[in-house]
């Protein structure tokens, strides 16, 4: 009796052990396979697997993690054994012609790091890189105002301006300094022209018929008008100057397109186009048409500021929303001779930022305000 009981116990134990062993094996087979077995590579399409066999890389790939980029390259018959490691590092993208872009960029010696950067930032303009020799694209990575559509212009400008760093090259080309003034320009709409921060220079034109609808006369006379906000700020600026015994008087404020045309033509008749362009804006390209610019003079001069008054204006005008638009020593950037007397209203917040930057408004606008 005892023997039968013992046999039953042993039999039960054996059954339990068999179940445990069988279950464990089944679990390992179904759920805990080695990740690098051929069976695990079912993620690759049949076409890609066939290509792996053709290139004799099936075993190599089976021992690696899955790569969508590699799969697409294989499917499109663009595989090159020299770039196997790079395929694994290139982030897959759903952009049209992705495998062709990858293949061509690799052929041009771009690394996976460079390709990932380009795919993430220039997916609509990759043809620009494909139509030129390899360049070190990552040198532009931290230049926030870099515009790949101007890449060839950057390179050409850099060739003739080797003393400029790359950030300066990018900014100057963006401004348009690699081209003659007025040769190419952005044309604003009337709505855009009302923006207090708008940039007007030889590369940005106002509509011929634009006239602000909120012009008011300055206290100095009805001939001098500015937009209401700018006029109020100008009155505060001159009042603050008086407290320091500095006296400013306006001698030109808002000018219509037609008035600017008459002035410019007069200067051209007197000095010629080349010279006139150094000190007078062509009609449509003058800040005076904005109703945000005013020319001021010292009490002792007819159309300029004394050196001390100029310094006062540089160091104080931003507190009331103005900047000296064409400061001394910046002619190569503003494309106009220095005009210590010409101030432009931007609003206190922006004028303070421009002043703190030490940049011309042309530079500041491209770096921080231009939308791309």
Protein backbone atom coordinates (compact mmCIF):
# COMPACT_ATOMS: atom_id res chain seq x y z
CA UNK A 1 0.00 0.00 0.00
CA UNK A 2 2.79 2.34 0.97
CA UNK A 3 4.66 1.42 -2.21
CA UNK A 4 1.66 2.31 -4.36
CA UNK A 5 1.34 5.64 -2.59
CA UNK A 6 5.01 6.39 -3.13
CA UNK A 7 4.74 5.50 -6.80
CA UNK A 8 1.79 7.85 -7.23
CA UNK A 9 3.71 10.70 -5.61
CA UNK A 10 6.73 10.06 -7.83
CA UNK A 11 4.48 9.93 -10.90
CA UNK A 12 2.81 13.23 -9.98
CA UNK A 13 6.21 14.89 -9.45
CA UNK A 14 7.42 13.60 -12.82
CA UNK A 15 4.31 14.94 -14.54
CA UNK A 16 4.77 18.35 -12.89
CA UNK A 17 8.46 18.47 -13.87
CA UNK A 18 7.55 17.50 -17.44
CA UNK A 19 5.00 20.29 -17.62
CA UNK A 20 7.50 22.81 -16.24
CA UNK A 21 10.26 21.76 -18.63
CA UNK A 22 7.96 21.63 -21.65
CA UNK A 23 6.42 24.97 -20.76
CA UNK A 24 9.79 26.61 -20.35
CA UNK A 25 11.03 25.34 -23.67
CA UNK A 26 7.85 26.49 -25.35
CA UNK A 27 8.19 29.97 -23.79
CA UNK A 28 11.78 30.30 -24.90
CA UNK A 29 10.85 29.21 -28.39
CA UNK A 30 7.89 31.53 -28.72
CA UNK A 31 8.76 34.54 -26.64
CA UNK A 32 12.39 34.66 -25.64
CA UNK A 33 14.36 34.01 -28.78
CA UNK A 34 17.72 35.55 -29.33
CA UNK A 35 17.09 38.87 -31.09
CA UNK A 36 19.73 38.27 -33.71
CA UNK A 37 18.42 35.07 -35.26
CA UNK A 38 17.34 34.89 -38.88
CA UNK A 39 13.73 34.32 -37.82
CA UNK A 40 13.72 37.70 -36.06
CA UNK A 41 14.59 39.39 -39.35
CA UNK A 42 11.09 38.94 -40.66
CA UNK A 43 10.79 42.75 -40.28
CA UNK A 44 12.68 43.06 -43.54
CA UNK A 45 10.62 42.65 -46.69
CA UNK A 46 11.07 39.62 -48.90
CA UNK A 47 12.58 41.86 -51.57
CA UNK A 48 15.13 43.23 -49.13
CA UNK A 49 16.03 39.72 -47.89
CA UNK A 50 16.51 38.58 -51.48
CA UNK A 51 18.86 41.51 -52.05
CA UNK A 52 20.78 40.60 -48.88
CA UNK A 53 21.32 37.12 -50.24
CA UNK A 54 22.45 38.54 -53.58
CA UNK A 55 24.99 40.79 -51.86
CA UNK A 56 25.96 38.01 -49.46
CA UNK A 57 25.19 40.10 -46.37
CA UNK A 58 22.29 38.11 -44.95
CA UNK A 59 24.25 36.71 -42.02
CA UNK A 60 25.82 40.09 -41.32
CA UNK A 61 22.47 41.84 -41.29
CA UNK A 62 20.87 39.09 -39.20
CA UNK A 63 23.32 39.92 -36.46
CA UNK A 64 22.33 43.60 -36.47
CA UNK A 65 19.29 45.56 -35.42
CA UNK A 66 16.64 46.30 -38.01
CA UNK A 67 17.21 49.37 -40.22
CA UNK A 68 14.39 50.85 -42.29
CA UNK A 69 16.90 52.91 -44.24
CA UNK A 70 18.85 49.78 -45.19
CA UNK A 71 15.64 48.02 -46.18
CA UNK A 72 14.57 50.82 -48.53
CA UNK A 73 18.05 51.06 -50.03
CA UNK A 74 18.01 47.32 -50.73
CA UNK A 75 14.52 47.40 -52.16
CA UNK A 76 15.46 50.22 -54.55
CA UNK A 77 18.62 48.38 -55.66
CA UNK A 78 20.81 51.26 -54.42
CA UNK A 79 22.95 49.25 -52.02
CA UNK A 80 26.68 49.93 -51.90
CA UNK A 81 28.80 47.80 -49.59
CA UNK A 82 31.03 50.80 -48.82
CA UNK A 83 28.17 52.46 -46.98
CA UNK A 84 26.67 49.63 -44.95
CA UNK A 85 27.60 51.19 -41.63
CA UNK A 86 26.26 54.57 -42.74
CA UNK A 87 22.88 53.09 -43.69
CA UNK A 88 22.42 51.98 -40.09
CA UNK A 89 23.14 55.51 -38.82
CA UNK A 90 20.92 57.42 -41.23
CA UNK A 91 17.48 58.22 -39.85
CA UNK A 92 14.69 57.02 -42.10
CA UNK A 93 12.49 59.75 -43.60
CA UNK A 94 9.23 59.56 -45.51
CA UNK A 95 10.20 62.37 -47.89
CA UNK A 96 9.83 61.55 -51.60
CA UNK A 97 12.97 60.08 -53.19
CA UNK A 98 14.50 59.40 -49.78
CA UNK A 99 16.64 56.43 -50.91
CA UNK A 100 17.93 58.32 -53.95
CA UNK A 101 18.88 61.34 -51.83
CA UNK A 102 20.71 59.07 -49.40
CA UNK A 103 22.56 57.26 -52.17
CA UNK A 104 23.62 60.46 -53.93
CA UNK A 105 24.68 62.27 -50.78
CA UNK A 106 26.76 59.31 -49.67
CA UNK A 107 28.34 59.21 -53.12
CA UNK A 108 29.29 62.87 -52.66
CA UNK A 109 31.05 61.88 -49.41
CA UNK A 110 28.50 63.26 -46.96
CA UNK A 111 28.55 61.37 -43.67
CA UNK A 112 25.51 59.97 -41.91
CA UNK A 113 25.69 62.84 -39.41
CA UNK A 114 25.64 65.41 -42.21
CA UNK A 115 22.85 63.59 -44.03
CA UNK A 116 20.69 63.42 -40.90
CA UNK A 117 21.21 67.16 -40.41
CA UNK A 118 20.20 67.86 -44.01
CA UNK A 119 17.17 65.57 -43.88
CA UNK A 120 15.97 67.26 -40.71
CA UNK A 121 16.48 70.83 -41.90
CA UNK A 122 16.54 71.00 -45.70
CA UNK A 123 14.26 68.21 -46.88
CA UNK A 124 12.67 70.48 -49.51
CA UNK A 125 16.01 71.76 -50.83
CA UNK A 126 18.28 68.72 -50.97
CA UNK A 127 18.72 69.14 -54.71
CA UNK A 128 20.82 72.23 -53.98
CA UNK A 129 23.47 70.01 -52.38
CA UNK A 130 23.21 67.41 -55.11
CA UNK A 131 23.93 70.00 -57.80
CA UNK A 132 27.22 71.11 -56.29
CA UNK A 133 30.42 69.58 -54.97
CA UNK A 134 30.65 68.44 -51.38
CA UNK A 135 30.76 71.21 -48.80
CA UNK A 136 31.14 71.11 -45.05
CA UNK A 137 27.44 71.72 -44.37
CA UNK A 138 27.81 71.34 -40.60
CA UNK A 139 29.81 74.57 -40.44
CA UNK A 140 26.46 76.33 -40.82
CA UNK A 141 24.74 74.27 -38.13
CA UNK A 142 24.79 76.92 -35.42
CA UNK A 143 24.16 79.91 -37.69
CA UNK A 144 20.50 80.58 -37.03
CA UNK A 145 19.94 82.82 -40.07
CA UNK A 146 21.48 80.36 -42.53
CA UNK A 147 19.32 79.93 -45.63
CA UNK A 148 20.28 76.97 -47.78
CA UNK A 149 18.68 78.53 -50.86
CA UNK A 150 21.48 81.13 -50.71
CA UNK A 151 24.27 78.62 -50.25
CA UNK A 152 26.01 79.31 -53.55
CA UNK A 153 25.90 83.04 -52.83
CA UNK A 154 27.49 82.47 -49.42
CA UNK A 155 30.32 80.49 -50.95
CA UNK A 156 30.94 83.01 -53.70
CA UNK A 157 30.85 85.98 -51.31
CA UNK A 158 33.21 84.20 -48.93
CA UNK A 159 35.76 83.74 -51.72
CA UNK A 160 36.13 87.49 -52.11
CA UNK A 161 35.72 88.38 -48.43
CA UNK A 162 38.06 85.98 -46.68
CA UNK A 163 38.44 88.27 -43.67
CA UNK A 164 34.79 87.77 -42.70
CA UNK A 165 33.76 84.93 -40.44
CA UNK A 166 31.03 82.63 -41.70
CA UNK A 167 28.26 84.19 -39.62
CA UNK A 168 29.09 87.60 -41.04
CA UNK A 169 29.13 86.21 -44.57
CA UNK A 170 25.68 84.69 -44.09
CA UNK A 171 24.24 87.87 -42.60
CA UNK A 172 25.69 90.18 -45.25
CA UNK A 173 24.47 87.99 -48.09
CA UNK A 174 21.04 87.75 -46.50
CA UNK A 175 20.94 91.55 -46.34
CA UNK A 176 21.83 91.59 -50.04
CA UNK A 177 25.30 93.05 -49.87
CA UNK A 178 26.63 90.60 -52.43
CA UNK A 179 24.44 92.31 -55.04
CA UNK A 180 24.09 95.89 -56.20
CA UNK A 181 21.48 97.89 -54.35
CA UNK A 182 18.08 98.01 -56.06
CA UNK A 183 19.02 95.14 -58.41
CA UNK A 184 16.85 92.69 -56.48
CA UNK A 185 14.38 93.56 -53.76
CA UNK A 186 11.37 92.47 -51.77
CA UNK A 187 8.18 94.41 -52.48
CA UNK A 188 5.92 94.95 -49.48
CA UNK A 189 2.15 95.11 -49.51
CA UNK A 190 0.32 98.08 -48.02
CA UNK A 191 -0.64 95.98 -44.98
CA UNK A 192 2.97 94.92 -44.41
CA UNK A 193 4.09 98.54 -44.64
CA UNK A 194 2.11 99.43 -41.50
CA UNK A 195 4.30 97.22 -39.32
CA UNK A 196 6.40 99.37 -36.98
CA UNK A 197 9.33 96.96 -37.30
CA UNK A 198 9.42 96.83 -41.10
CA UNK A 199 12.87 96.98 -42.73
CA UNK A 200 13.20 99.45 -45.59
CA UNK A 201 16.48 99.68 -47.47
CA UNK A 202 17.85 99.18 -50.98
CA UNK A 203 16.54 95.61 -50.93
CA UNK A 204 13.05 96.20 -49.49
CA UNK A 205 10.54 98.43 -51.30
CA UNK A 206 7.29 100.09 -50.19
CA UNK A 207 4.23 100.37 -52.44
CA UNK A 208 4.34 103.58 -54.49
CA UNK A 209 0.98 104.73 -53.16
CA UNK A 210 1.58 103.84 -49.52
CA UNK A 211 0.78 106.59 -47.03
CA UNK A 212 0.20 105.98 -43.29
CA UNK A 213 -3.34 106.76 -42.18
CA UNK A 214 -2.36 108.01 -38.71
CA UNK A 215 0.02 110.86 -39.51
CA UNK A 216 0.01 113.74 -37.06
CA UNK A 217 1.93 117.00 -37.01
CA UNK A 218 4.79 117.55 -34.61
CA UNK A 219 4.68 120.51 -32.27
CA UNK A 220 7.46 122.10 -34.32
CA UNK A 221 5.15 122.80 -37.26
CA UNK A 222 2.53 121.27 -39.54
CA UNK A 223 5.19 120.54 -42.18
CA UNK A 224 6.66 117.83 -39.97
CA UNK A 225 4.51 114.74 -39.62
CA UNK A 226 5.02 111.28 -38.17
CA UNK A 227 2.75 108.40 -37.36
CA UNK A 228 0.94 109.11 -34.10
CA UNK A 229 2.95 106.71 -31.90
CA UNK A 230 6.26 107.91 -33.33
CA UNK A 231 5.24 111.55 -33.00
CA UNK A 232 4.39 111.17 -29.33
CA UNK A 233 7.68 109.38 -28.71
CA UNK A 234 9.62 112.10 -30.54
CA UNK A 235 8.09 114.78 -28.35
CA UNK A 236 9.21 112.84 -25.26
CA UNK A 237 12.71 112.42 -26.67
CA UNK A 238 13.21 116.11 -27.39
CA UNK A 239 11.72 117.07 -24.01
CA UNK A 240 14.16 114.74 -22.24
CA UNK A 241 17.04 116.23 -24.24
CA UNK A 242 16.07 119.76 -23.21
CA UNK A 243 16.42 118.76 -19.55
CA UNK A 244 20.08 118.07 -20.32
CA UNK A 245 20.39 121.30 -22.31
CA UNK A 246 20.49 119.42 -25.62
CA UNK A 247 18.24 120.96 -28.27
CA UNK A 248 17.05 119.04 -31.33
CA UNK A 249 14.85 120.33 -34.15
CA UNK A 250 13.30 118.30 -36.99
CA UNK A 251 14.09 119.36 -40.53
CA UNK A 252 12.48 116.46 -42.41
CA UNK A 253 9.92 113.86 -41.33
CA UNK A 254 7.27 112.04 -43.40
CA UNK A 255 7.83 112.25 -47.15
CA UNK A 256 5.51 110.81 -49.76
CA UNK A 257 6.76 108.67 -52.61
CA UNK A 258 6.36 111.61 -54.98
CA UNK A 259 8.27 113.98 -52.70
CA UNK A 260 11.08 111.47 -52.48
CA UNK A 261 11.08 111.14 -56.26
CA UNK A 262 11.48 114.89 -56.72
CA UNK A 263 14.33 115.03 -54.18
CA UNK A 264 16.16 112.03 -55.61
CA UNK A 265 15.92 113.30 -59.19
CA UNK A 266 17.24 116.67 -58.07
CA UNK A 267 20.26 115.01 -56.48
CA UNK A 268 20.86 112.85 -59.55
CA UNK A 269 20.78 115.92 -61.78
CA UNK A 270 23.31 117.60 -59.52
CA UNK A 271 25.67 114.73 -58.61
CA UNK A 272 24.87 111.77 -60.88
CA UNK A 273 23.22 108.45 -60.01
CA UNK A 274 26.23 106.77 -58.37
CA UNK A 275 26.83 109.61 -55.94
CA UNK A 276 23.16 110.32 -55.27
CA UNK A 277 22.65 106.67 -54.33
CA UNK A 278 25.15 107.03 -51.50
CA UNK A 279 23.07 109.59 -49.62
CA UNK A 280 19.53 109.56 -50.99
CA UNK A 281 17.10 106.66 -51.22
CA UNK A 282 15.24 106.09 -54.44
CA UNK A 283 11.46 106.56 -54.28
CA UNK A 284 9.82 103.58 -52.59
CA UNK A 285 12.99 102.75 -50.66
CA UNK A 286 12.95 105.60 -48.15
CA UNK A 287 12.12 105.20 -44.47
CA UNK A 288 10.63 108.68 -44.56
CA UNK A 289 7.66 107.28 -46.49
CA UNK A 290 6.92 105.10 -43.46
CA UNK A 291 6.21 108.10 -41.29
CA UNK A 292 8.57 106.56 -38.75
CA UNK A 293 11.78 108.44 -39.60
CA UNK A 294 12.77 111.99 -38.82
CA UNK A 295 15.90 113.99 -39.57
CA UNK A 296 16.99 116.20 -36.68
CA UNK A 297 19.53 118.98 -36.34
CA UNK A 298 21.32 120.67 -33.50
CA UNK A 299 20.25 124.22 -32.76
CA UNK A 300 23.55 125.51 -34.13
CA UNK A 301 23.42 123.60 -37.43
CA UNK A 302 21.03 123.53 -40.38
CA UNK A 303 21.03 119.85 -41.24
CA UNK A 304 23.28 117.85 -38.91
CA UNK A 305 24.17 117.09 -35.30
CA UNK A 306 27.22 118.24 -33.42
CA UNK A 307 29.46 115.40 -32.26
CA UNK A 308 28.27 115.74 -28.67
CA UNK A 309 24.63 115.77 -29.72
CA UNK A 310 25.23 112.71 -31.90
CA UNK A 311 26.66 110.88 -28.90
CA UNK A 312 23.64 111.89 -26.83
CA UNK A 313 21.33 110.55 -29.54
CA UNK A 314 23.23 107.25 -29.78
CA UNK A 315 23.11 106.74 -26.03
CA UNK A 316 19.59 107.95 -25.30
CA UNK A 317 17.27 107.74 -28.30
CA UNK A 318 16.48 104.05 -27.74
CA UNK A 319 14.89 104.94 -24.39
CA UNK A 320 12.13 106.62 -26.39
CA UNK A 321 11.91 104.00 -29.16
CA UNK A 322 14.34 105.46 -31.71
CA UNK A 323 17.65 104.30 -33.18
CA UNK A 324 20.24 106.14 -35.24
CA UNK A 325 19.54 104.36 -38.49
CA UNK A 326 22.76 105.16 -40.38
CA UNK A 327 25.47 105.41 -37.71
CA UNK A 328 29.05 106.40 -38.37
CA UNK A 329 31.34 103.69 -39.69
CA UNK A 330 28.54 101.42 -40.99
CA UNK A 331 28.26 102.59 -44.59
CA UNK A 332 29.36 99.23 -45.98
CA UNK A 333 26.35 97.61 -44.31
CA UNK A 334 23.60 100.24 -44.55
CA UNK A 335 24.69 101.17 -48.10
CA UNK A 336 24.26 104.84 -47.25
CA UNK A 337 26.72 107.43 -46.05
CA UNK A 338 26.62 108.06 -42.33
CA UNK A 339 23.64 110.15 -41.31
CA UNK A 340 23.92 111.01 -37.61
CA UNK A 341 20.76 113.07 -37.96
CA UNK A 342 18.45 110.32 -39.25
CA UNK A 343 16.56 108.49 -36.50
CA UNK A 344 13.99 105.73 -36.93
CA UNK A 345 11.17 104.75 -34.59
CA UNK A 346 10.86 101.06 -33.64
CA UNK A 347 9.20 101.18 -30.23
CA UNK A 348 11.07 101.16 -26.93
CA UNK A 349 11.40 97.39 -26.56
CA UNK A 350 12.86 96.73 -30.01
CA UNK A 351 14.96 99.89 -30.09
CA UNK A 352 16.49 98.87 -26.76
CA UNK A 353 17.38 95.44 -28.13
CA UNK A 354 18.91 96.90 -31.29
CA UNK A 355 20.92 99.38 -29.25
CA UNK A 356 22.19 96.65 -26.91
CA UNK A 357 23.22 94.46 -29.87
CA UNK A 358 25.50 97.11 -31.36
CA UNK A 359 24.24 96.07 -34.79
CA UNK A 360 22.75 98.09 -37.59
CA UNK A 361 19.05 97.52 -38.06
CA UNK A 362 19.78 95.71 -41.33
CA UNK A 363 21.85 93.13 -39.43
CA UNK A 364 19.52 92.87 -36.46
CA UNK A 365 16.47 92.40 -38.65
CA UNK A 366 18.04 89.52 -40.54
CA UNK A 367 19.33 87.81 -37.43
CA UNK A 368 16.29 88.13 -35.20
CA UNK A 369 13.20 89.31 -37.06
CA UNK A 370 13.30 87.89 -40.57
CA UNK A 371 10.97 84.92 -40.97
CA UNK A 372 12.28 81.91 -42.87
